Amino acid sequence: MPARRGRSAASTAREAQAFVDSHRSEGTTELFGITELCKEFGITMRALRFYEDKGLLSPRRVNGARVYTRSDRARLTLILRAKAIGSTLADIKQYLDLYGHHGEGRLQQLGYVIARTDSAIAELEQRRAQIDATLAELRVINEHCRQQVEARRRGAASK
């Protein structure tokens, strides 16, 4: 679930950990309908079908109806989280495909996440440095303009 603006980093980190912990137990066989998942994740049926068409989700069919497993639900959560941080559908598919059928690719998946997050962190830190430099420059300009306004006001008052 994507972090919403205004939440603390600690709160977001706790939510992320809770998500990971909730998907560690593979013993459950909960099933979900398409409407249920759409409501839960705030997406349309069309979006869910789009992810199926792209090979990101593979629901079962029971009497012609789509039925999603806990694993499908976890994949959908990962898809939406990855989209929220700017991943392309191709990147998301590559990541999901690394997992394999029984988790045999989990180590490769973790390596992929490490590489992607290292890259994203470096990019964001660079952007933050640029923003900090721009803010410093704007503060200097702002202060200079304030001093000029004040000097002109003093000059006008003394006349």
N, C-alpha and C. Protein backbone atom coordinates (compact mmCIF):
# COMPACT_ATOMS: atom_id res chain seq x y z
N MET A 1 0.84 -1.16 0.00
CA MET A 1 0.00 0.00 0.00
C MET A 1 0.89 1.23 0.00
N PRO A 2 0.71 2.10 -0.94
CA PRO A 2 1.58 3.25 -1.04
C PRO A 2 1.48 4.15 0.18
N ALA A 3 2.61 4.77 0.54
CA ALA A 3 2.62 5.71 1.65
C ALA A 3 1.86 6.97 1.24
N ARG A 4 1.08 7.49 2.16
CA ARG A 4 0.35 8.71 1.87
C ARG A 4 1.10 9.89 2.45
N ARG A 5 0.93 11.04 1.82
CA ARG A 5 1.58 12.26 2.29
C ARG A 5 1.18 12.54 3.72
N GLY A 6 2.13 13.06 4.49
CA GLY A 6 1.85 13.45 5.84
C GLY A 6 2.17 12.37 6.87
N ARG A 7 2.44 11.17 6.43
CA ARG A 7 2.79 10.11 7.36
C ARG A 7 4.27 10.20 7.66
N SER A 8 4.62 9.80 8.86
CA SER A 8 6.02 9.83 9.25
C SER A 8 6.75 8.66 8.59
N ALA A 9 8.06 8.78 8.48
CA ALA A 9 8.87 7.71 7.91
C ALA A 9 8.75 6.45 8.77
N ALA A 10 8.69 6.63 10.09
CA ALA A 10 8.56 5.48 10.98
C ALA A 10 7.23 4.76 10.76
N SER A 11 6.16 5.53 10.58
CA SER A 11 4.84 4.94 10.35
C SER A 11 4.84 4.17 9.02
N THR A 12 5.41 4.77 7.99
CA THR A 12 5.49 4.12 6.69
C THR A 12 6.32 2.84 6.77
N ALA A 13 7.43 2.90 7.51
CA ALA A 13 8.29 1.73 7.66
C ALA A 13 7.55 0.61 8.40
N ARG A 14 6.78 0.97 9.44
CA ARG A 14 6.01 -0.03 10.18
C ARG A 14 4.97 -0.69 9.27
N GLU A 15 4.31 0.11 8.44
CA GLU A 15 3.31 -0.44 7.52
C GLU A 15 3.96 -1.39 6.52
N ALA A 16 5.12 -1.00 6.01
CA ALA A 16 5.83 -1.85 5.05
C ALA A 16 6.22 -3.17 5.71
N GLN A 17 6.71 -3.12 6.95
CA GLN A 17 7.10 -4.34 7.65
C GLN A 17 5.89 -5.21 7.93
N ALA A 18 4.77 -4.58 8.30
CA ALA A 18 3.54 -5.35 8.55
C ALA A 18 3.10 -6.06 7.29
N PHE A 19 3.24 -5.39 6.14
CA PHE A 19 2.88 -6.01 4.86
C PHE A 19 3.74 -7.24 4.62
N VAL A 20 5.04 -7.09 4.79
CA VAL A 20 5.96 -8.21 4.56
C VAL A 20 5.62 -9.36 5.50
N ASP A 21 5.42 -9.05 6.78
CA ASP A 21 5.11 -10.08 7.76
C ASP A 21 3.80 -10.81 7.43
N SER A 22 2.82 -10.06 6.93
CA SER A 22 1.52 -10.67 6.65
C SER A 22 1.56 -11.64 5.48
N HIS A 23 2.59 -11.58 4.66
CA HIS A 23 2.67 -12.45 3.50
C HIS A 23 3.71 -13.55 3.64
N ARG A 24 4.22 -13.72 4.84
CA ARG A 24 5.22 -14.78 5.07
C ARG A 24 4.54 -16.12 5.27
N SER A 25 3.32 -16.13 5.78
CA SER A 25 2.62 -17.38 6.03
C SER A 25 1.97 -17.85 4.74
N GLU A 26 2.43 -18.96 4.24
CA GLU A 26 1.88 -19.50 2.99
C GLU A 26 0.81 -20.56 3.25
N GLY A 27 0.50 -20.83 4.52
CA GLY A 27 -0.41 -21.90 4.87
C GLY A 27 -1.87 -21.58 4.60
N THR A 28 -2.20 -20.36 4.32
CA THR A 28 -3.59 -20.00 4.15
C THR A 28 -4.04 -20.17 2.70
N THR A 29 -5.29 -20.48 2.50
CA THR A 29 -5.82 -20.65 1.15
C THR A 29 -7.00 -19.73 0.92
N GLU A 30 -6.93 -18.53 1.50
CA GLU A 30 -8.01 -17.57 1.28
C GLU A 30 -8.19 -17.32 -0.21
N LEU A 31 -9.44 -17.15 -0.60
CA LEU A 31 -9.74 -16.81 -1.99
C LEU A 31 -10.49 -15.49 -2.01
N PHE A 32 -10.27 -14.71 -3.05
CA PHE A 32 -10.86 -13.39 -3.18
C PHE A 32 -11.49 -13.26 -4.56
N GLY A 33 -12.65 -12.59 -4.61
CA GLY A 33 -13.30 -12.30 -5.88
C GLY A 33 -12.76 -11.00 -6.46
N ILE A 34 -13.03 -10.79 -7.75
CA ILE A 34 -12.52 -9.60 -8.43
C ILE A 34 -13.07 -8.32 -7.80
N THR A 35 -14.35 -8.32 -7.46
CA THR A 35 -14.96 -7.13 -6.86
C THR A 35 -14.34 -6.82 -5.51
N GLU A 36 -14.11 -7.87 -4.74
CA GLU A 36 -13.50 -7.71 -3.42
C GLU A 36 -12.11 -7.07 -3.52
N LEU A 37 -11.29 -7.58 -4.43
CA LEU A 37 -9.94 -7.00 -4.58
C LEU A 37 -10.00 -5.58 -5.11
N CYS A 38 -10.87 -5.32 -6.04
CA CYS A 38 -10.99 -3.97 -6.59
C CYS A 38 -11.37 -2.97 -5.50
N LYS A 39 -12.32 -3.34 -4.67
CA LYS A 39 -12.72 -2.46 -3.57
C LYS A 39 -11.58 -2.27 -2.58
N GLU A 40 -10.94 -3.36 -2.21
CA GLU A 40 -9.87 -3.30 -1.21
C GLU A 40 -8.72 -2.40 -1.66
N PHE A 41 -8.36 -2.48 -2.95
CA PHE A 41 -7.20 -1.73 -3.45
C PHE A 41 -7.57 -0.44 -4.15
N GLY A 42 -8.86 -0.17 -4.28
CA GLY A 42 -9.30 1.07 -4.89
C GLY A 42 -8.95 1.15 -6.38
N ILE A 43 -9.08 0.03 -7.07
CA ILE A 43 -8.80 0.00 -8.50
C ILE A 43 -10.04 -0.51 -9.23
N THR A 44 -10.04 -0.35 -10.53
CA THR A 44 -11.17 -0.80 -11.34
C THR A 44 -10.95 -2.25 -11.79
N MET A 45 -12.05 -2.87 -12.19
CA MET A 45 -11.96 -4.22 -12.75
C MET A 45 -11.13 -4.19 -14.02
N ARG A 46 -11.24 -3.12 -14.75
CA ARG A 46 -10.47 -2.97 -15.98
C ARG A 46 -8.97 -2.98 -15.69
N ALA A 47 -8.57 -2.29 -14.62
CA ALA A 47 -7.15 -2.27 -14.24
C ALA A 47 -6.68 -3.67 -13.86
N LEU A 48 -7.50 -4.38 -13.10
CA LEU A 48 -7.13 -5.73 -12.68
C LEU A 48 -6.99 -6.65 -13.90
N ARG A 49 -7.91 -6.54 -14.82
CA ARG A 49 -7.84 -7.35 -16.05
C ARG A 49 -6.62 -6.96 -16.89
N PHE A 50 -6.27 -5.68 -16.88
CA PHE A 50 -5.09 -5.20 -17.60
C PHE A 50 -3.83 -5.89 -17.05
N TYR A 51 -3.72 -5.97 -15.72
CA TYR A 51 -2.57 -6.65 -15.11
C TYR A 51 -2.55 -8.13 -15.49
N GLU A 52 -3.73 -8.72 -15.61
CA GLU A 52 -3.80 -10.11 -16.06
C GLU A 52 -3.30 -10.23 -17.50
N ASP A 53 -3.76 -9.32 -18.37
CA ASP A 53 -3.35 -9.34 -19.77
C ASP A 53 -1.84 -9.18 -19.92
N LYS A 54 -1.23 -8.45 -19.02
CA LYS A 54 0.22 -8.22 -19.07
C LYS A 54 1.00 -9.35 -18.41
N GLY A 55 0.28 -10.35 -17.90
CA GLY A 55 0.94 -11.51 -17.30
C GLY A 55 1.41 -11.29 -15.88
N LEU A 56 0.90 -10.25 -15.23
CA LEU A 56 1.31 -9.96 -13.86
C LEU A 56 0.48 -10.74 -12.84
N LEU A 57 -0.73 -11.08 -13.21
CA LEU A 57 -1.63 -11.85 -12.35
C LEU A 57 -2.23 -13.00 -13.15
N SER A 58 -2.45 -14.11 -12.48
CA SER A 58 -3.06 -15.28 -13.14
C SER A 58 -4.10 -15.89 -12.22
N PRO A 59 -5.29 -15.31 -12.17
CA PRO A 59 -6.31 -15.86 -11.28
C PRO A 59 -6.81 -17.22 -11.76
N ARG A 60 -7.34 -17.96 -10.83
CA ARG A 60 -7.99 -19.23 -11.17
C ARG A 60 -9.39 -18.92 -11.67
N ARG A 61 -9.99 -19.90 -12.31
CA ARG A 61 -11.39 -19.77 -12.72
C ARG A 61 -12.20 -20.83 -11.99
N VAL A 62 -13.25 -20.38 -11.34
CA VAL A 62 -14.16 -21.29 -10.66
C VAL A 62 -15.55 -20.98 -11.19
N ASN A 63 -16.13 -21.94 -11.92
CA ASN A 63 -17.42 -21.75 -12.57
C ASN A 63 -17.43 -20.48 -13.43
N GLY A 64 -16.33 -20.23 -14.10
CA GLY A 64 -16.22 -19.09 -15.01
C GLY A 64 -15.86 -17.78 -14.34
N ALA A 65 -15.84 -17.74 -13.02
CA ALA A 65 -15.53 -16.50 -12.31
C ALA A 65 -14.05 -16.48 -11.93
N ARG A 66 -13.48 -15.28 -11.97
CA ARG A 66 -12.09 -15.12 -11.54
C ARG A 66 -12.02 -15.26 -10.03
N VAL A 67 -11.07 -16.05 -9.57
CA VAL A 67 -10.84 -16.24 -8.15
C VAL A 67 -9.35 -16.03 -7.90
N TYR A 68 -9.07 -15.14 -6.96
CA TYR A 68 -7.69 -14.79 -6.66
C TYR A 68 -7.27 -15.40 -5.33
N THR A 69 -6.04 -15.90 -5.29
CA THR A 69 -5.51 -16.48 -4.08
C THR A 69 -4.80 -15.41 -3.25
N ARG A 70 -4.38 -15.79 -2.06
CA ARG A 70 -3.59 -14.90 -1.21
C ARG A 70 -2.32 -14.46 -1.95
N SER A 71 -1.75 -15.37 -2.71
CA SER A 71 -0.55 -15.06 -3.49
C SER A 71 -0.86 -14.00 -4.56
N ASP A 72 -2.00 -14.13 -5.23
CA ASP A 72 -2.42 -13.13 -6.23
C ASP A 72 -2.60 -11.77 -5.56
N ARG A 73 -3.20 -11.79 -4.37
CA ARG A 73 -3.43 -10.55 -3.62
C ARG A 73 -2.09 -9.90 -3.26
N ALA A 74 -1.13 -10.71 -2.83
CA ALA A 74 0.20 -10.19 -2.50
C ALA A 74 0.87 -9.62 -3.74
N ARG A 75 0.73 -10.31 -4.87
CA ARG A 75 1.30 -9.81 -6.13
C ARG A 75 0.67 -8.47 -6.52
N LEU A 76 -0.65 -8.36 -6.34
CA LEU A 76 -1.32 -7.11 -6.66
C LEU A 76 -0.81 -5.98 -5.78
N THR A 77 -0.62 -6.27 -4.51
CA THR A 77 -0.06 -5.27 -3.59
C THR A 77 1.31 -4.82 -4.07
N LEU A 78 2.14 -5.77 -4.46
CA LEU A 78 3.49 -5.45 -4.95
C LEU A 78 3.42 -4.64 -6.25
N ILE A 79 2.51 -5.00 -7.12
CA ILE A 79 2.35 -4.28 -8.39
C ILE A 79 2.01 -2.82 -8.11
N LEU A 80 1.03 -2.60 -7.25
CA LEU A 80 0.59 -1.23 -6.96
C LEU A 80 1.66 -0.44 -6.22
N ARG A 81 2.38 -1.08 -5.31
CA ARG A 81 3.47 -0.39 -4.60
C ARG A 81 4.59 -0.03 -5.57
N ALA A 82 4.93 -0.95 -6.45
CA ALA A 82 6.00 -0.70 -7.42
C ALA A 82 5.61 0.42 -8.39
N LYS A 83 4.34 0.43 -8.81
CA LYS A 83 3.86 1.51 -9.68
C LYS A 83 3.95 2.84 -8.96
N ALA A 84 3.61 2.85 -7.68
CA ALA A 84 3.61 4.09 -6.90
C ALA A 84 5.00 4.70 -6.79
N ILE A 85 6.04 3.88 -6.87
CA ILE A 85 7.40 4.42 -6.80
C ILE A 85 8.02 4.58 -8.18
N GLY A 86 7.20 4.42 -9.22
CA GLY A 86 7.66 4.73 -10.57
C GLY A 86 8.20 3.58 -11.39
N SER A 87 8.01 2.35 -10.95
CA SER A 87 8.47 1.21 -11.73
C SER A 87 7.58 1.01 -12.95
N THR A 88 8.19 0.57 -14.03
CA THR A 88 7.41 0.26 -15.23
C THR A 88 6.79 -1.12 -15.08
N LEU A 89 5.78 -1.41 -15.89
CA LEU A 89 5.17 -2.73 -15.84
C LEU A 89 6.18 -3.81 -16.23
N ALA A 90 7.08 -3.50 -17.15
CA ALA A 90 8.12 -4.47 -17.55
C ALA A 90 9.03 -4.78 -16.36
N ASP A 91 9.42 -3.75 -15.61
CA ASP A 91 10.25 -3.96 -14.42
C ASP A 91 9.50 -4.79 -13.38
N ILE A 92 8.24 -4.48 -13.21
CA ILE A 92 7.43 -5.20 -12.22
C ILE A 92 7.31 -6.67 -12.62
N LYS A 93 7.06 -6.92 -13.90
CA LYS A 93 6.95 -8.31 -14.37
C LYS A 93 8.26 -9.05 -14.16
N GLN A 94 9.37 -8.40 -14.48
CA GLN A 94 10.68 -9.03 -14.30
C GLN A 94 10.88 -9.41 -12.83
N TYR A 95 10.56 -8.50 -11.94
CA TYR A 95 10.69 -8.75 -10.52
C TYR A 95 9.81 -9.92 -10.08
N LEU A 96 8.55 -9.89 -10.48
CA LEU A 96 7.62 -10.95 -10.08
C LEU A 96 8.03 -12.30 -10.67
N ASP A 97 8.52 -12.32 -11.91
CA ASP A 97 8.93 -13.56 -12.55
C ASP A 97 10.15 -14.18 -11.89
N LEU A 98 10.99 -13.35 -11.27
CA LEU A 98 12.17 -13.88 -10.58
C LEU A 98 11.79 -14.82 -9.43
N TYR A 99 10.64 -14.62 -8.84
CA TYR A 99 10.21 -15.39 -7.68
C TYR A 99 10.12 -16.89 -8.00
N GLY A 100 9.67 -17.21 -9.20
CA GLY A 100 9.49 -18.61 -9.58
C GLY A 100 8.15 -19.13 -9.11
N HIS A 101 7.96 -20.41 -9.28
CA HIS A 101 6.68 -21.02 -8.91
C HIS A 101 6.57 -21.32 -7.42
N HIS A 102 7.71 -21.57 -6.78
CA HIS A 102 7.68 -21.94 -5.37
C HIS A 102 8.67 -21.12 -4.55
N GLY A 103 9.00 -19.94 -5.03
CA GLY A 103 9.90 -19.08 -4.28
C GLY A 103 11.37 -19.38 -4.46
N GLU A 104 11.69 -20.24 -5.44
CA GLU A 104 13.09 -20.63 -5.65
C GLU A 104 13.97 -19.46 -6.10
N GLY A 105 13.36 -18.43 -6.63
CA GLY A 105 14.12 -17.27 -7.10
C GLY A 105 14.12 -16.11 -6.11
N ARG A 106 13.77 -16.37 -4.88
CA ARG A 106 13.67 -15.29 -3.89
C ARG A 106 14.99 -14.55 -3.71
N LEU A 107 16.11 -15.27 -3.73
CA LEU A 107 17.41 -14.61 -3.57
C LEU A 107 17.68 -13.65 -4.74
N GLN A 108 17.37 -14.09 -5.96
CA GLN A 108 17.53 -13.21 -7.12
C GLN A 108 16.59 -12.02 -7.03
N GLN A 109 15.39 -12.27 -6.53
CA GLN A 109 14.40 -11.21 -6.36
C GLN A 109 14.92 -10.16 -5.37
N LEU A 110 15.48 -10.63 -4.28
CA LEU A 110 16.02 -9.72 -3.28
C LEU A 110 17.20 -8.92 -3.84
N GLY A 111 18.04 -9.58 -4.61
CA GLY A 111 19.16 -8.88 -5.25
C GLY A 111 18.67 -7.80 -6.20
N TYR A 112 17.62 -8.12 -6.93
CA TYR A 112 17.02 -7.16 -7.86
C TYR A 112 16.49 -5.94 -7.10
N VAL A 113 15.80 -6.19 -5.99
CA VAL A 113 15.26 -5.10 -5.17
C VAL A 113 16.39 -4.25 -4.60
N ILE A 114 17.44 -4.89 -4.14
CA ILE A 114 18.58 -4.15 -3.59
C ILE A 114 19.17 -3.23 -4.65
N ALA A 115 19.39 -3.75 -5.85
CA ALA A 115 19.97 -2.94 -6.93
C ALA A 115 19.04 -1.79 -7.30
N ARG A 116 17.75 -2.08 -7.42
CA ARG A 116 16.79 -1.03 -7.79
C ARG A 116 16.67 0.04 -6.70
N THR A 117 16.61 -0.38 -5.45
CA THR A 117 16.46 0.60 -4.38
C THR A 117 17.75 1.40 -4.18
N ASP A 118 18.91 0.75 -4.34
CA ASP A 118 20.18 1.50 -4.28
C ASP A 118 20.19 2.61 -5.32
N SER A 119 19.76 2.27 -6.52
CA SER A 119 19.71 3.24 -7.62
C SER A 119 18.71 4.36 -7.33
N ALA A 120 17.53 4.00 -6.84
CA ALA A 120 16.51 5.00 -6.54
C ALA A 120 16.95 5.91 -5.40
N ILE A 121 17.59 5.34 -4.39
CA ILE A 121 18.08 6.14 -3.26
C ILE A 121 19.13 7.13 -3.74
N ALA A 122 20.06 6.67 -4.56
CA ALA A 122 21.11 7.56 -5.08
C ALA A 122 20.50 8.69 -5.91
N GLU A 123 19.52 8.36 -6.74
CA GLU A 123 18.86 9.37 -7.57
C GLU A 123 18.13 10.40 -6.70
N LEU A 124 17.41 9.93 -5.70
CA LEU A 124 16.68 10.84 -4.82
C LEU A 124 17.63 11.70 -3.99
N GLU A 125 18.73 11.12 -3.53
CA GLU A 125 19.71 11.91 -2.79
C GLU A 125 20.31 13.00 -3.67
N GLN A 126 20.55 12.68 -4.93
CA GLN A 126 21.07 13.67 -5.86
C GLN A 126 20.04 14.79 -6.08
N ARG A 127 18.79 14.40 -6.24
CA ARG A 127 17.73 15.41 -6.40
C ARG A 127 17.61 16.28 -5.16
N ARG A 128 17.71 15.64 -3.97
CA ARG A 128 17.63 16.40 -2.73
C ARG A 128 18.78 17.40 -2.64
N ALA A 129 19.98 17.01 -3.05
CA ALA A 129 21.13 17.93 -3.03
C ALA A 129 20.87 19.10 -3.98
N GLN A 130 20.28 18.82 -5.14
CA GLN A 130 19.95 19.89 -6.08
C GLN A 130 18.89 20.81 -5.49
N ILE A 131 17.90 20.25 -4.83
CA ILE A 131 16.85 21.05 -4.20
C ILE A 131 17.44 21.91 -3.09
N ASP A 132 18.31 21.31 -2.27
CA ASP A 132 18.95 22.07 -1.20
C ASP A 132 19.76 23.23 -1.75
N ALA A 133 20.48 23.00 -2.84
CA ALA A 133 21.28 24.07 -3.46
C ALA A 133 20.36 25.16 -4.00
N THR A 134 19.27 24.78 -4.63
CA THR A 134 18.32 25.76 -5.16
C THR A 134 17.68 26.55 -4.02
N LEU A 135 17.31 25.88 -2.95
CA LEU A 135 16.73 26.57 -1.80
C LEU A 135 17.71 27.58 -1.20
N ALA A 136 18.96 27.19 -1.08
CA ALA A 136 19.98 28.10 -0.55
C ALA A 136 20.11 29.33 -1.44
N GLU A 137 20.12 29.13 -2.74
CA GLU A 137 20.22 30.24 -3.69
C GLU A 137 19.00 31.15 -3.59
N LEU A 138 17.82 30.56 -3.50
CA LEU A 138 16.59 31.35 -3.38
C LEU A 138 16.57 32.15 -2.07
N ARG A 139 17.08 31.56 -1.01
CA ARG A 139 17.14 32.29 0.27
C ARG A 139 18.07 33.50 0.18
N VAL A 140 19.20 33.33 -0.52
CA VAL A 140 20.14 34.45 -0.70
C VAL A 140 19.47 35.55 -1.51
N ILE A 141 18.81 35.19 -2.59
CA ILE A 141 18.11 36.17 -3.44
C ILE A 141 17.03 36.86 -2.62
N ASN A 142 16.24 36.09 -1.88
CA ASN A 142 15.17 36.63 -1.07
C ASN A 142 15.71 37.63 -0.05
N GLU A 143 16.75 37.24 0.64
CA GLU A 143 17.33 38.13 1.66
C GLU A 143 17.89 39.40 1.03
N HIS A 144 18.55 39.26 -0.11
CA HIS A 144 19.09 40.44 -0.82
C HIS A 144 17.96 41.41 -1.21
N CYS A 145 16.87 40.86 -1.73
CA CYS A 145 15.73 41.70 -2.12
C CYS A 145 15.11 42.37 -0.90
N ARG A 146 14.99 41.66 0.21
CA ARG A 146 14.45 42.25 1.43
C ARG A 146 15.34 43.41 1.91
N GLN A 147 16.63 43.21 1.84
CA GLN A 147 17.56 44.28 2.25
C GLN A 147 17.41 45.49 1.34
N GLN A 148 17.24 45.26 0.06
CA GLN A 148 17.08 46.38 -0.88
C GLN A 148 15.78 47.13 -0.60
N VAL A 149 14.70 46.39 -0.35
CA VAL A 149 13.42 47.03 -0.03
C VAL A 149 13.57 47.86 1.23
N GLU A 150 14.20 47.30 2.25
CA GLU A 150 14.37 48.01 3.51
C GLU A 150 15.23 49.26 3.32
N ALA A 151 16.30 49.14 2.55
CA ALA A 151 17.18 50.30 2.30
C ALA A 151 16.42 51.40 1.56
N ARG A 152 15.62 51.04 0.61
CA ARG A 152 14.84 52.04 -0.14
C ARG A 152 13.79 52.71 0.74
N ARG A 153 13.18 51.91 1.62
CA ARG A 153 12.19 52.48 2.54
C ARG A 153 12.86 53.47 3.51
N ARG A 154 14.04 53.14 4.00
CA ARG A 154 14.77 54.04 4.89
C ARG A 154 15.18 55.32 4.15
N GLY A 155 15.61 55.13 2.88
CA GLY A 155 16.00 56.29 2.07
C GLY A 155 14.83 57.20 1.80
N ALA A 156 13.67 56.63 1.54
CA ALA A 156 12.46 57.42 1.25
C ALA A 156 11.97 58.12 2.53
N ALA A 157 12.14 57.47 3.66
CA ALA A 157 11.67 58.04 4.93
C ALA A 157 12.54 59.20 5.37
N SER A 158 13.83 59.18 5.02
CA SER A 158 14.74 60.24 5.45
C SER A 158 14.65 61.49 4.56
N LYS A 159 13.97 61.41 3.46
CA LYS A 159 13.86 62.56 2.56
C LYS A 159 12.81 63.51 2.98
